[in-house]
Amino acid sequence: MDIIPYSDQTIEIMAEFLKAMSDPNRLKILLLLSTSNGLNVISIAQALNMTHSAVSHQLNMLKRMRLLTSKKDGKSVIYSLADDHIYSIINASADHALEIV
């Protein structure tokens, strides 16, 4: 009988997903994108008072983890949440945090 209903590979992916969301700057980016239809690096950097390079670094990590999608818009790249699961997880964690506070 399997006690844990997921494979080791799935658990590893889940852990990496949660690790990606655990950084405060990455979480701020995800929260910002959860309230928009997509933003470019400059808009994110300005909204969060971060440098362009710091935002780019975090966006690359989030994109590698498949938490974000990107599309070209002229010379800009627009970033958005990859899917509704990301939005749901962010909102669930906010609900939980607000219950504790």
N, C-alpha and C. Protein backbone atom coordinates (compact mmCIF):
# COMPACT_ATOMS: atom_id res chain seq x y z
N MET A 1 0.84 -1.19 0.00
CA MET A 1 0.00 0.00 0.00
C MET A 1 0.89 1.25 0.00
N ASP A 2 0.63 2.15 -0.95
CA ASP A 2 1.37 3.41 -1.00
C ASP A 2 0.75 4.39 -0.01
N ILE A 3 1.58 4.94 0.84
CA ILE A 3 1.10 5.90 1.83
C ILE A 3 0.95 7.28 1.20
N ILE A 4 1.88 7.63 0.31
CA ILE A 4 1.85 8.92 -0.37
C ILE A 4 1.35 8.69 -1.79
N PRO A 5 0.30 9.43 -2.18
CA PRO A 5 -0.33 9.15 -3.48
C PRO A 5 0.38 9.73 -4.71
N TYR A 6 1.63 10.16 -4.56
CA TYR A 6 2.36 10.76 -5.67
C TYR A 6 3.72 10.10 -5.82
N SER A 7 4.22 10.11 -7.03
CA SER A 7 5.55 9.55 -7.28
C SER A 7 6.62 10.50 -6.74
N ASP A 8 7.81 9.98 -6.56
CA ASP A 8 8.93 10.81 -6.13
C ASP A 8 9.18 11.95 -7.10
N GLN A 9 9.02 11.68 -8.39
CA GLN A 9 9.22 12.72 -9.42
C GLN A 9 8.19 13.84 -9.24
N THR A 10 6.94 13.48 -9.01
CA THR A 10 5.89 14.49 -8.81
C THR A 10 6.16 15.30 -7.55
N ILE A 11 6.59 14.63 -6.50
CA ILE A 11 6.90 15.33 -5.24
C ILE A 11 8.06 16.29 -5.44
N GLU A 12 9.05 15.90 -6.21
CA GLU A 12 10.19 16.78 -6.50
C GLU A 12 9.73 18.03 -7.25
N ILE A 13 8.85 17.86 -8.22
CA ILE A 13 8.32 19.00 -8.97
C ILE A 13 7.50 19.90 -8.05
N MET A 14 6.69 19.30 -7.18
CA MET A 14 5.91 20.08 -6.23
C MET A 14 6.81 20.90 -5.30
N ALA A 15 7.88 20.29 -4.82
CA ALA A 15 8.81 20.98 -3.93
C ALA A 15 9.49 22.15 -4.65
N GLU A 16 9.89 21.94 -5.89
CA GLU A 16 10.52 23.02 -6.67
C GLU A 16 9.52 24.15 -6.91
N PHE A 17 8.28 23.81 -7.16
CA PHE A 17 7.20 24.79 -7.36
C PHE A 17 7.04 25.65 -6.11
N LEU A 18 6.94 25.00 -4.96
CA LEU A 18 6.77 25.73 -3.71
C LEU A 18 8.01 26.55 -3.38
N LYS A 19 9.19 26.03 -3.68
CA LYS A 19 10.43 26.77 -3.46
C LYS A 19 10.46 28.03 -4.33
N ALA A 20 10.00 27.91 -5.56
CA ALA A 20 9.98 29.07 -6.46
C ALA A 20 9.07 30.16 -5.92
N MET A 21 7.98 29.76 -5.29
CA MET A 21 7.03 30.74 -4.76
C MET A 21 7.44 31.26 -3.38
N SER A 22 8.46 30.67 -2.77
CA SER A 22 8.82 31.03 -1.40
C SER A 22 9.65 32.31 -1.28
N ASP A 23 10.23 32.76 -2.36
CA ASP A 23 11.04 33.97 -2.32
C ASP A 23 10.11 35.20 -2.33
N PRO A 24 10.27 36.13 -1.37
CA PRO A 24 9.38 37.29 -1.30
C PRO A 24 9.32 38.11 -2.59
N ASN A 25 10.44 38.31 -3.27
CA ASN A 25 10.41 39.09 -4.51
C ASN A 25 9.66 38.35 -5.61
N ARG A 26 9.86 37.05 -5.72
CA ARG A 26 9.12 36.28 -6.72
C ARG A 26 7.63 36.27 -6.39
N LEU A 27 7.31 36.16 -5.11
CA LEU A 27 5.90 36.17 -4.71
C LEU A 27 5.26 37.52 -5.03
N LYS A 28 5.99 38.60 -4.80
CA LYS A 28 5.48 39.94 -5.15
C LYS A 28 5.20 40.03 -6.64
N ILE A 29 6.11 39.51 -7.44
CA ILE A 29 5.91 39.52 -8.90
C ILE A 29 4.67 38.72 -9.26
N LEU A 30 4.52 37.54 -8.68
CA LEU A 30 3.34 36.71 -8.96
C LEU A 30 2.06 37.41 -8.52
N LEU A 31 2.09 38.04 -7.35
CA LEU A 31 0.91 38.78 -6.87
C LEU A 31 0.56 39.92 -7.81
N LEU A 32 1.58 40.66 -8.25
CA LEU A 32 1.35 41.77 -9.18
C LEU A 32 0.75 41.25 -10.48
N LEU A 33 1.31 40.17 -11.00
CA LEU A 33 0.80 39.62 -12.26
C LEU A 33 -0.58 39.01 -12.10
N SER A 34 -0.92 38.60 -10.88
CA SER A 34 -2.25 38.01 -10.66
C SER A 34 -3.35 39.06 -10.75
N THR A 35 -2.96 40.34 -10.67
CA THR A 35 -3.95 41.42 -10.73
C THR A 35 -3.89 42.18 -12.05
N SER A 36 -3.18 41.61 -13.02
CA SER A 36 -3.06 42.30 -14.32
C SER A 36 -3.29 41.32 -15.46
N ASN A 37 -3.36 41.86 -16.64
CA ASN A 37 -3.48 41.04 -17.85
C ASN A 37 -2.12 40.79 -18.47
N GLY A 38 -1.07 41.11 -17.74
CA GLY A 38 0.29 40.94 -18.24
C GLY A 38 1.05 42.24 -18.16
N LEU A 39 2.33 42.14 -17.81
CA LEU A 39 3.17 43.32 -17.68
C LEU A 39 4.55 43.03 -18.23
N ASN A 40 5.24 44.10 -18.64
CA ASN A 40 6.62 43.94 -19.09
C ASN A 40 7.57 44.17 -17.92
N VAL A 41 8.84 43.92 -18.12
CA VAL A 41 9.85 44.02 -17.06
C VAL A 41 9.88 45.42 -16.47
N ILE A 42 9.83 46.43 -17.31
CA ILE A 42 9.91 47.81 -16.83
C ILE A 42 8.75 48.13 -15.90
N SER A 43 7.54 47.73 -16.28
CA SER A 43 6.36 47.99 -15.45
C SER A 43 6.46 47.27 -14.11
N ILE A 44 6.93 46.04 -14.14
CA ILE A 44 7.08 45.26 -12.91
C ILE A 44 8.13 45.92 -12.01
N ALA A 45 9.27 46.29 -12.59
CA ALA A 45 10.35 46.91 -11.82
C ALA A 45 9.88 48.20 -11.17
N GLN A 46 9.16 49.03 -11.91
CA GLN A 46 8.66 50.29 -11.36
C GLN A 46 7.65 50.04 -10.25
N ALA A 47 6.72 49.11 -10.47
CA ALA A 47 5.67 48.84 -9.48
C ALA A 47 6.24 48.30 -8.17
N LEU A 48 7.31 47.53 -8.27
CA LEU A 48 7.88 46.89 -7.09
C LEU A 48 9.14 47.57 -6.57
N ASN A 49 9.51 48.67 -7.21
CA ASN A 49 10.71 49.42 -6.83
C ASN A 49 11.95 48.51 -6.81
N MET A 50 12.08 47.75 -7.89
CA MET A 50 13.22 46.84 -8.06
C MET A 50 13.97 47.24 -9.32
N THR A 51 15.20 46.80 -9.43
CA THR A 51 15.96 47.08 -10.65
C THR A 51 15.48 46.17 -11.78
N HIS A 52 15.71 46.63 -12.98
CA HIS A 52 15.35 45.87 -14.18
C HIS A 52 16.02 44.51 -14.16
N SER A 53 17.32 44.49 -13.81
CA SER A 53 18.05 43.22 -13.82
C SER A 53 17.55 42.26 -12.74
N ALA A 54 17.19 42.78 -11.57
CA ALA A 54 16.66 41.92 -10.50
C ALA A 54 15.33 41.30 -10.92
N VAL A 55 14.48 42.09 -11.54
CA VAL A 55 13.19 41.58 -12.01
C VAL A 55 13.42 40.55 -13.12
N SER A 56 14.29 40.84 -14.04
CA SER A 56 14.57 39.89 -15.14
C SER A 56 15.06 38.56 -14.59
N HIS A 57 15.93 38.61 -13.61
CA HIS A 57 16.46 37.39 -13.00
C HIS A 57 15.32 36.56 -12.39
N GLN A 58 14.43 37.22 -11.64
CA GLN A 58 13.32 36.51 -11.00
C GLN A 58 12.32 36.00 -12.05
N LEU A 59 12.06 36.78 -13.07
CA LEU A 59 11.15 36.34 -14.13
C LEU A 59 11.68 35.10 -14.84
N ASN A 60 12.99 35.07 -15.09
CA ASN A 60 13.58 33.90 -15.74
C ASN A 60 13.40 32.65 -14.89
N MET A 61 13.59 32.80 -13.59
CA MET A 61 13.42 31.66 -12.70
C MET A 61 11.97 31.19 -12.69
N LEU A 62 11.03 32.13 -12.59
CA LEU A 62 9.61 31.79 -12.58
C LEU A 62 9.18 31.16 -13.91
N LYS A 63 9.76 31.63 -14.98
CA LYS A 63 9.43 31.07 -16.30
C LYS A 63 9.99 29.65 -16.43
N ARG A 64 11.21 29.42 -15.94
CA ARG A 64 11.79 28.07 -15.96
C ARG A 64 10.93 27.09 -15.17
N MET A 65 10.31 27.57 -14.11
CA MET A 65 9.45 26.72 -13.29
C MET A 65 8.04 26.61 -13.87
N ARG A 66 7.83 27.23 -15.01
CA ARG A 66 6.54 27.21 -15.72
C ARG A 66 5.41 27.86 -14.92
N LEU A 67 5.76 28.89 -14.13
CA LEU A 67 4.76 29.65 -13.41
C LEU A 67 4.29 30.85 -14.22
N LEU A 68 5.09 31.22 -15.23
CA LEU A 68 4.77 32.36 -16.08
C LEU A 68 4.81 31.97 -17.54
N THR A 69 4.08 32.73 -18.32
CA THR A 69 4.21 32.66 -19.77
C THR A 69 4.67 34.03 -20.25
N SER A 70 5.20 34.08 -21.44
CA SER A 70 5.62 35.36 -21.99
C SER A 70 5.27 35.40 -23.47
N LYS A 71 5.04 36.63 -23.94
CA LYS A 71 4.79 36.82 -25.36
C LYS A 71 5.37 38.16 -25.77
N LYS A 72 5.85 38.19 -27.00
CA LYS A 72 6.43 39.42 -27.55
C LYS A 72 5.33 40.40 -27.90
N ASP A 73 5.56 41.66 -27.58
CA ASP A 73 4.67 42.75 -27.96
C ASP A 73 5.56 43.88 -28.47
N GLY A 74 5.86 43.84 -29.75
CA GLY A 74 6.83 44.78 -30.31
C GLY A 74 8.20 44.45 -29.76
N LYS A 75 8.84 45.43 -29.12
CA LYS A 75 10.16 45.20 -28.52
C LYS A 75 10.06 44.70 -27.09
N SER A 76 8.89 44.73 -26.51
CA SER A 76 8.70 44.29 -25.13
C SER A 76 8.28 42.83 -25.06
N VAL A 77 8.51 42.25 -23.91
CA VAL A 77 8.01 40.91 -23.59
C VAL A 77 7.01 41.09 -22.45
N ILE A 78 5.81 40.55 -22.65
CA ILE A 78 4.75 40.66 -21.65
C ILE A 78 4.67 39.34 -20.89
N TYR A 79 4.71 39.44 -19.57
CA TYR A 79 4.66 38.26 -18.70
C TYR A 79 3.29 38.16 -18.04
N SER A 80 2.79 36.93 -17.92
CA SER A 80 1.52 36.65 -17.25
C SER A 80 1.65 35.35 -16.48
N LEU A 81 0.70 35.13 -15.56
CA LEU A 81 0.67 33.85 -14.86
C LEU A 81 0.39 32.75 -15.87
N ALA A 82 1.00 31.60 -15.66
CA ALA A 82 0.90 30.50 -16.61
C ALA A 82 -0.52 29.94 -16.70
N ASP A 83 -1.21 29.88 -15.56
CA ASP A 83 -2.57 29.32 -15.60
C ASP A 83 -3.31 29.68 -14.32
N ASP A 84 -4.56 29.29 -14.25
CA ASP A 84 -5.41 29.62 -13.11
C ASP A 84 -4.97 28.92 -11.83
N HIS A 85 -4.23 27.81 -11.95
CA HIS A 85 -3.75 27.13 -10.74
C HIS A 85 -2.85 28.05 -9.93
N ILE A 86 -2.00 28.79 -10.61
CA ILE A 86 -1.08 29.70 -9.93
C ILE A 86 -1.88 30.75 -9.17
N TYR A 87 -2.86 31.32 -9.85
CA TYR A 87 -3.74 32.33 -9.23
C TYR A 87 -4.43 31.75 -8.00
N SER A 88 -4.95 30.55 -8.11
CA SER A 88 -5.66 29.91 -6.99
C SER A 88 -4.74 29.68 -5.80
N ILE A 89 -3.54 29.23 -6.06
CA ILE A 89 -2.58 28.96 -4.99
C ILE A 89 -2.18 30.26 -4.29
N ILE A 90 -1.96 31.31 -5.06
CA ILE A 90 -1.61 32.61 -4.48
C ILE A 90 -2.74 33.10 -3.59
N ASN A 91 -3.97 33.01 -4.08
CA ASN A 91 -5.11 33.48 -3.29
C ASN A 91 -5.33 32.61 -2.05
N ALA A 92 -5.16 31.31 -2.17
CA ALA A 92 -5.32 30.43 -1.01
C ALA A 92 -4.27 30.74 0.05
N SER A 93 -3.03 31.01 -0.37
CA SER A 93 -2.00 31.32 0.61
C SER A 93 -2.25 32.68 1.25
N ALA A 94 -2.79 33.63 0.49
CA ALA A 94 -3.15 34.93 1.07
C ALA A 94 -4.28 34.77 2.08
N ASP A 95 -5.29 33.98 1.74
CA ASP A 95 -6.39 33.72 2.68
C ASP A 95 -5.85 33.12 3.98
N HIS A 96 -4.96 32.16 3.84
CA HIS A 96 -4.37 31.52 5.02
C HIS A 96 -3.57 32.53 5.84
N ALA A 97 -2.77 33.35 5.19
CA ALA A 97 -1.95 34.34 5.89
C ALA A 97 -2.85 35.35 6.63
N LEU A 98 -3.94 35.75 6.00
CA LEU A 98 -4.84 36.71 6.64
C LEU A 98 -5.55 36.12 7.86
N GLU A 99 -5.76 34.82 7.86
CA GLU A 99 -6.37 34.17 9.03
C GLU A 99 -5.42 34.17 10.22
N ILE A 100 -4.13 34.11 9.95
CA ILE A 100 -3.12 34.06 11.00
C ILE A 100 -2.87 35.43 11.61
N VAL A 101 -2.92 36.45 10.77
CA VAL A 101 -2.57 37.82 11.21
C VAL A 101 -3.59 38.37 12.18
